[in-house]
Amino acid sequence: MMKDTQKKDKKEELLKIKEENEKLKKEVEEFKNKYLRALADYQNLQKRVLEEKKEWEKKIKKEFFLKILPFLDNLEKAEVFIKDTGLKLIKDQFLQFLKNEGVEEIDLLGKEFDPNLAEAVDVTEGEKENLVVEVLRKGYKMGEEVLRIAQVKVSVRKKEEEAVKIAKEELKKGDYM
């Protein structure tokens, strides 16, 4: 009888241990899942903070360069009137600094006018339509992003030539009125 009771007690104890073991396994799995979620959240936070930091750096850089571009404009204006090698050297060093930082002049002269890169502040008659004939204020870009749009003069075809061309076309058609 004693043996049966001991066997029964051992079975009950073994059953309790198995239940406790299963309960602990579930807890371990829950903690593991929580840990993995927390780790993923932390890694996502790190990525987001890094991206935000890069965006802030880019924004600060952009603001800085926008504030110093008028200085470059004035150097270039001064260079027109003052032919000094020291002034040219300073301007060239300044341009090299900008280039090293990814800031480049937007080349527009002689190209078709693009309102995303330039503002047309004047028009002048020319041989071809919609060409940039003069850059009044240079535009700059940082990477692929436009930092400051240029101010330019754009050509328009001469009006008399356009009227003569239309009249000749109408004469060829035989449509006089």
C-alpha atoms as a PDB file:
ATOM      1  CA  MET A   1       0.000   0.000   0.000  1.00  0.00           C
ATOM      2  CA  MET A   2       2.786   2.283   0.850  1.00  0.00           C
ATOM      3  CA  LYS A   3       4.338   1.660  -2.490  1.00  0.00           C
ATOM      4  CA  ASP A   4       1.153   2.595  -4.319  1.00  0.00           C
ATOM      5  CA  THR A   5       0.871   5.803  -2.336  1.00  0.00           C
ATOM      6  CA  GLN A   6       4.504   6.641  -3.032  1.00  0.00           C
ATOM      7  CA  LYS A   7       4.059   5.912  -6.727  1.00  0.00           C
ATOM      8  CA  LYS A   8       0.953   8.069  -6.748  1.00  0.00           C
ATOM      9  CA  ASP A   9       2.788  10.882  -4.934  1.00  0.00           C
ATOM     10  CA  LYS A  10       5.718  10.617  -7.324  1.00  0.00           C
ATOM     11  CA  LYS A  11       3.372  10.712 -10.328  1.00  0.00           C
ATOM     12  CA  GLU A  12       1.616  13.761  -8.912  1.00  0.00           C
ATOM     13  CA  GLU A  13       4.966  15.400  -8.203  1.00  0.00           C
ATOM     14  CA  LEU A  14       6.195  14.539 -11.674  1.00  0.00           C
ATOM     15  CA  LEU A  15       2.991  15.929 -13.154  1.00  0.00           C
ATOM     16  CA  LYS A  16       3.410  19.151 -11.169  1.00  0.00           C
ATOM     17  CA  ILE A  17       7.014  19.434 -12.320  1.00  0.00           C
ATOM     18  CA  LYS A  18       5.947  18.926 -15.946  1.00  0.00           C
ATOM     19  CA  GLU A  19       3.216  21.568 -15.575  1.00  0.00           C
ATOM     20  CA  GLU A  20       5.694  23.961 -13.950  1.00  0.00           C
ATOM     21  CA  ASN A  21       8.169  23.186 -16.734  1.00  0.00           C
ATOM     22  CA  GLU A  22       5.564  23.956 -19.436  1.00  0.00           C
ATOM     23  CA  LYS A  23       4.579  27.139 -17.620  1.00  0.00           C
ATOM     24  CA  LEU A  24       8.232  28.228 -17.457  1.00  0.00           C
ATOM     25  CA  LYS A  25       8.756  27.397 -21.140  1.00  0.00           C
ATOM     26  CA  LYS A  26       5.771  29.594 -22.036  1.00  0.00           C
ATOM     27  CA  GLU A  27       7.155  32.415 -19.888  1.00  0.00           C
ATOM     28  CA  VAL A  28      10.587  32.076 -21.489  1.00  0.00           C
ATOM     29  CA  GLU A  29       8.978  32.188 -24.947  1.00  0.00           C
ATOM     30  CA  GLU A  30       6.942  35.288 -23.950  1.00  0.00           C
ATOM     31  CA  PHE A  31      10.057  37.028 -22.597  1.00  0.00           C
ATOM     32  CA  LYS A  32      11.976  36.074 -25.726  1.00  0.00           C
ATOM     33  CA  ASN A  33       9.242  37.535 -27.951  1.00  0.00           C
ATOM     34  CA  LYS A  34       9.089  40.698 -25.844  1.00  0.00           C
ATOM     35  CA  TYR A  35      12.863  41.001 -25.994  1.00  0.00           C
ATOM     36  CA  LEU A  36      12.900  40.541 -29.782  1.00  0.00           C
ATOM     37  CA  ARG A  37      10.103  43.133 -30.208  1.00  0.00           C
ATOM     38  CA  ALA A  38      11.920  45.580 -27.938  1.00  0.00           C
ATOM     39  CA  LEU A  39      15.156  44.981 -29.850  1.00  0.00           C
ATOM     40  CA  ALA A  40      13.412  45.574 -33.195  1.00  0.00           C
ATOM     41  CA  ASP A  41      11.780  48.734 -31.826  1.00  0.00           C
ATOM     42  CA  TYR A  42      15.151  49.975 -30.610  1.00  0.00           C
ATOM     43  CA  GLN A  43      16.810  49.258 -33.968  1.00  0.00           C
ATOM     44  CA  ASN A  44      13.995  51.077 -35.770  1.00  0.00           C
ATOM     45  CA  LEU A  45      14.430  54.006 -33.387  1.00  0.00           C
ATOM     46  CA  GLN A  46      18.160  54.057 -34.107  1.00  0.00           C
ATOM     47  CA  LYS A  47      17.494  54.128 -37.864  1.00  0.00           C
ATOM     48  CA  ARG A  48      14.875  56.864 -37.510  1.00  0.00           C
ATOM     49  CA  VAL A  49      17.140  58.993 -35.312  1.00  0.00           C
ATOM     50  CA  LEU A  50      20.020  58.561 -37.776  1.00  0.00           C
ATOM     51  CA  GLU A  51      17.790  59.537 -40.718  1.00  0.00           C
ATOM     52  CA  GLU A  52      16.467  62.565 -38.829  1.00  0.00           C
ATOM     53  CA  LYS A  53      20.016  63.569 -37.936  1.00  0.00           C
ATOM     54  CA  LYS A  54      21.055  63.369 -41.588  1.00  0.00           C
ATOM     55  CA  GLU A  55      18.011  65.432 -42.608  1.00  0.00           C
ATOM     56  CA  TRP A  56      18.822  68.076 -39.994  1.00  0.00           C
ATOM     57  CA  GLU A  57      22.459  68.171 -41.109  1.00  0.00           C
ATOM     58  CA  LYS A  58      21.343  68.575 -44.722  1.00  0.00           C
ATOM     59  CA  LYS A  59      18.881  71.317 -43.778  1.00  0.00           C
ATOM     60  CA  ILE A  60      21.485  73.198 -41.712  1.00  0.00           C
ATOM     61  CA  LYS A  61      24.013  72.889 -44.542  1.00  0.00           C
ATOM     62  CA  LYS A  62      21.461  74.178 -47.034  1.00  0.00           C
ATOM     63  CA  GLU A  63      20.599  77.171 -44.837  1.00  0.00           C
ATOM     64  CA  PHE A  64      24.289  77.927 -44.348  1.00  0.00           C
ATOM     65  CA  PHE A  65      25.068  77.873 -48.062  1.00  0.00           C
ATOM     66  CA  LEU A  66      22.005  79.969 -48.875  1.00  0.00           C
ATOM     67  CA  LYS A  67      23.318  82.617 -46.482  1.00  0.00           C
ATOM     68  CA  ILE A  68      26.839  82.699 -47.945  1.00  0.00           C
ATOM     69  CA  LEU A  69      25.906  82.642 -51.652  1.00  0.00           C
ATOM     70  CA  PRO A  70      25.316  86.443 -51.697  1.00  0.00           C
ATOM     71  CA  PHE A  71      28.934  86.800 -50.534  1.00  0.00           C
ATOM     72  CA  LEU A  72      30.043  84.832 -53.606  1.00  0.00           C
ATOM     73  CA  ASP A  73      27.799  86.987 -55.808  1.00  0.00           C
ATOM     74  CA  ASN A  74      29.506  90.097 -54.438  1.00  0.00           C
ATOM     75  CA  LEU A  75      32.970  88.595 -54.962  1.00  0.00           C
ATOM     76  CA  GLU A  76      32.110  87.929 -58.604  1.00  0.00           C
ATOM     77  CA  LYS A  77      30.744  91.460 -59.054  1.00  0.00           C
ATOM     78  CA  ALA A  78      33.885  92.911 -57.481  1.00  0.00           C
ATOM     79  CA  GLU A  79      36.058  90.793 -59.748  1.00  0.00           C
ATOM     80  CA  VAL A  80      34.497  92.477 -62.799  1.00  0.00           C
ATOM     81  CA  PHE A  81      35.709  95.888 -61.619  1.00  0.00           C
ATOM     82  CA  ILE A  82      38.857  94.966 -59.713  1.00  0.00           C
ATOM     83  CA  LYS A  83      41.353  92.860 -61.625  1.00  0.00           C
ATOM     84  CA  ASP A  84      43.320  91.518 -58.674  1.00  0.00           C
ATOM     85  CA  THR A  85      44.957  88.088 -58.494  1.00  0.00           C
ATOM     86  CA  GLY A  86      44.368  87.944 -54.732  1.00  0.00           C
ATOM     87  CA  LEU A  87      40.634  88.481 -55.217  1.00  0.00           C
ATOM     88  CA  LYS A  88      40.557  85.817 -57.935  1.00  0.00           C
ATOM     89  CA  LEU A  89      42.444  83.430 -55.660  1.00  0.00           C
ATOM     90  CA  ILE A  90      39.949  83.987 -52.821  1.00  0.00           C
ATOM     91  CA  LYS A  91      36.995  83.490 -55.156  1.00  0.00           C
ATOM     92  CA  ASP A  92      38.519  80.321 -56.624  1.00  0.00           C
ATOM     93  CA  GLN A  93      39.191  78.909 -53.138  1.00  0.00           C
ATOM     94  CA  PHE A  94      35.628  79.734 -52.152  1.00  0.00           C
ATOM     95  CA  LEU A  95      34.270  77.983 -55.262  1.00  0.00           C
ATOM     96  CA  GLN A  96      36.479  74.957 -54.522  1.00  0.00           C
ATOM     97  CA  PHE A  97      35.164  74.850 -50.954  1.00  0.00           C
ATOM     98  CA  LEU A  98      31.579  74.884 -52.258  1.00  0.00           C
ATOM     99  CA  LYS A  99      32.388  72.166 -54.792  1.00  0.00           C
ATOM    100  CA  ASN A 100      33.971  69.995 -52.072  1.00  0.00           C
ATOM    101  CA  GLU A 101      30.749  70.356 -50.075  1.00  0.00           C
ATOM    102  CA  GLY A 102      28.639  69.279 -53.076  1.00  0.00           C
ATOM    103  CA  VAL A 103      27.433  72.768 -54.081  1.00  0.00           C
ATOM    104  CA  GLU A 104      27.706  73.436 -57.811  1.00  0.00           C
ATOM    105  CA  GLU A 105      26.634  76.177 -60.175  1.00  0.00           C
ATOM    106  CA  ILE A 106      23.709  75.324 -62.433  1.00  0.00           C
ATOM    107  CA  ASP A 107      24.901  75.739 -66.029  1.00  0.00           C
ATOM    108  CA  LEU A 108      22.079  77.430 -67.941  1.00  0.00           C
ATOM    109  CA  LEU A 109      23.611  79.800 -70.522  1.00  0.00           C
ATOM    110  CA  GLY A 110      22.596  78.842 -74.070  1.00  0.00           C
ATOM    111  CA  LYS A 111      20.273  76.094 -72.870  1.00  0.00           C
ATOM    112  CA  GLU A 112      16.502  75.852 -72.998  1.00  0.00           C
ATOM    113  CA  PHE A 113      14.757  77.678 -70.164  1.00  0.00           C
ATOM    114  CA  ASP A 114      13.639  75.390 -67.346  1.00  0.00           C
ATOM    115  CA  PRO A 115      11.348  77.000 -64.734  1.00  0.00           C
ATOM    116  CA  ASN A 116      12.508  74.431 -62.167  1.00  0.00           C
ATOM    117  CA  LEU A 117      16.057  75.769 -62.371  1.00  0.00           C
ATOM    118  CA  ALA A 118      15.615  79.438 -63.180  1.00  0.00           C
ATOM    119  CA  GLU A 119      13.338  82.428 -62.895  1.00  0.00           C
ATOM    120  CA  ALA A 120      12.880  84.468 -66.083  1.00  0.00           C
ATOM    121  CA  VAL A 121      13.215  88.087 -64.994  1.00  0.00           C
ATOM    122  CA  ASP A 122      13.553  89.541 -68.509  1.00  0.00           C
ATOM    123  CA  VAL A 123      12.976  88.575 -72.134  1.00  0.00           C
ATOM    124  CA  THR A 124      14.861  89.688 -75.212  1.00  0.00           C
ATOM    125  CA  GLU A 125      14.406  89.071 -78.923  1.00  0.00           C
ATOM    126  CA  GLY A 126      16.581  86.378 -80.395  1.00  0.00           C
ATOM    127  CA  GLU A 127      16.915  83.840 -83.156  1.00  0.00           C
ATOM    128  CA  LYS A 128      15.481  80.956 -81.165  1.00  0.00           C
ATOM    129  CA  GLU A 129      12.581  80.707 -78.755  1.00  0.00           C
ATOM    130  CA  ASN A 130      12.928  80.006 -75.020  1.00  0.00           C
ATOM    131  CA  LEU A 131      16.735  79.991 -74.693  1.00  0.00           C
ATOM    132  CA  VAL A 132      18.646  81.409 -71.739  1.00  0.00           C
ATOM    133  CA  VAL A 133      20.692  84.257 -73.260  1.00  0.00           C
ATOM    134  CA  GLU A 134      22.037  85.822 -70.044  1.00  0.00           C
ATOM    135  CA  VAL A 135      22.393  84.757 -66.429  1.00  0.00           C
ATOM    136  CA  LEU A 136      21.706  87.715 -64.139  1.00  0.00           C
ATOM    137  CA  ARG A 137      22.144  85.792 -60.866  1.00  0.00           C
ATOM    138  CA  LYS A 138      23.692  82.334 -60.810  1.00  0.00           C
ATOM    139  CA  GLY A 139      21.742  79.371 -59.516  1.00  0.00           C
ATOM    140  CA  TYR A 140      23.242  76.582 -57.430  1.00  0.00           C
ATOM    141  CA  LYS A 141      22.386  73.018 -56.545  1.00  0.00           C
ATOM    142  CA  MET A 142      23.534  70.735 -53.750  1.00  0.00           C
ATOM    143  CA  GLY A 143      23.603  67.229 -55.111  1.00  0.00           C
ATOM    144  CA  GLU A 144      20.422  66.911 -57.152  1.00  0.00           C
ATOM    145  CA  GLU A 145      18.476  69.417 -55.049  1.00  0.00           C
ATOM    146  CA  VAL A 146      18.215  73.022 -56.248  1.00  0.00           C
ATOM    147  CA  LEU A 147      19.684  75.275 -53.581  1.00  0.00           C
ATOM    148  CA  ARG A 148      18.916  78.607 -55.258  1.00  0.00           C
ATOM    149  CA  ILE A 149      17.266  79.128 -58.627  1.00  0.00           C
ATOM    150  CA  ALA A 150      18.994  81.380 -61.142  1.00  0.00           C
ATOM    151  CA  GLN A 151      17.623  84.631 -62.492  1.00  0.00           C
ATOM    152  CA  VAL A 152      17.941  84.763 -66.277  1.00  0.00           C
ATOM    153  CA  LYS A 153      17.052  86.559 -69.498  1.00  0.00           C
ATOM    154  CA  VAL A 154      15.167  84.372 -71.955  1.00  0.00           C
ATOM    155  CA  SER A 155      14.953  84.789 -75.726  1.00  0.00           C
ATOM    156  CA  VAL A 156      11.746  85.111 -77.707  1.00  0.00           C
ATOM    157  CA  ARG A 157      11.577  84.942 -81.478  1.00  0.00           C
ATOM    158  CA  LYS A 158      11.317  88.297 -83.220  1.00  0.00           C
ATOM    159  CA  LYS A 159       7.688  89.210 -83.704  1.00  0.00           C
ATOM    160  CA  GLU A 160       8.038  90.599 -87.281  1.00  0.00           C
ATOM    161  CA  GLU A 161       9.806  87.449 -88.445  1.00  0.00           C
ATOM    162  CA  GLU A 162       7.048  85.359 -86.880  1.00  0.00           C
ATOM    163  CA  ALA A 163       4.352  87.433 -88.631  1.00  0.00           C
ATOM    164  CA  VAL A 164       6.185  87.193 -91.993  1.00  0.00           C
ATOM    165  CA  LYS A 165       6.541  83.443 -91.551  1.00  0.00           C
ATOM    166  CA  ILE A 166       2.794  83.077 -90.865  1.00  0.00           C
ATOM    167  CA  ALA A 167       1.930  85.280 -93.858  1.00  0.00           C
ATOM    168  CA  LYS A 168       4.166  83.216 -96.179  1.00  0.00           C
ATOM    169  CA  GLU A 169       2.544  80.011 -94.974  1.00  0.00           C
ATOM    170  CA  GLU A 170      -0.896  81.464 -95.665  1.00  0.00           C
ATOM    171  CA  LEU A 171       0.208  82.563 -99.150  1.00  0.00           C
ATOM    172  CA  LYS A 172       1.437  79.061 -99.912  1.00  0.00           C
ATOM    173  CA  LYS A 173      -1.924  77.661 -98.846  1.00  0.00           C
ATOM    174  CA  GLY A 174      -3.751  80.204-101.002  1.00  0.00           C
ATOM    175  CA  ASP A 175      -5.767  81.344 -98.019  1.00  0.00           C
ATOM    176  CA  TYR A 176      -5.816  85.147 -98.370  1.00  0.00           C
ATOM    177  CA  MET A 177      -8.703  85.914 -96.075  1.00  0.00           C
END
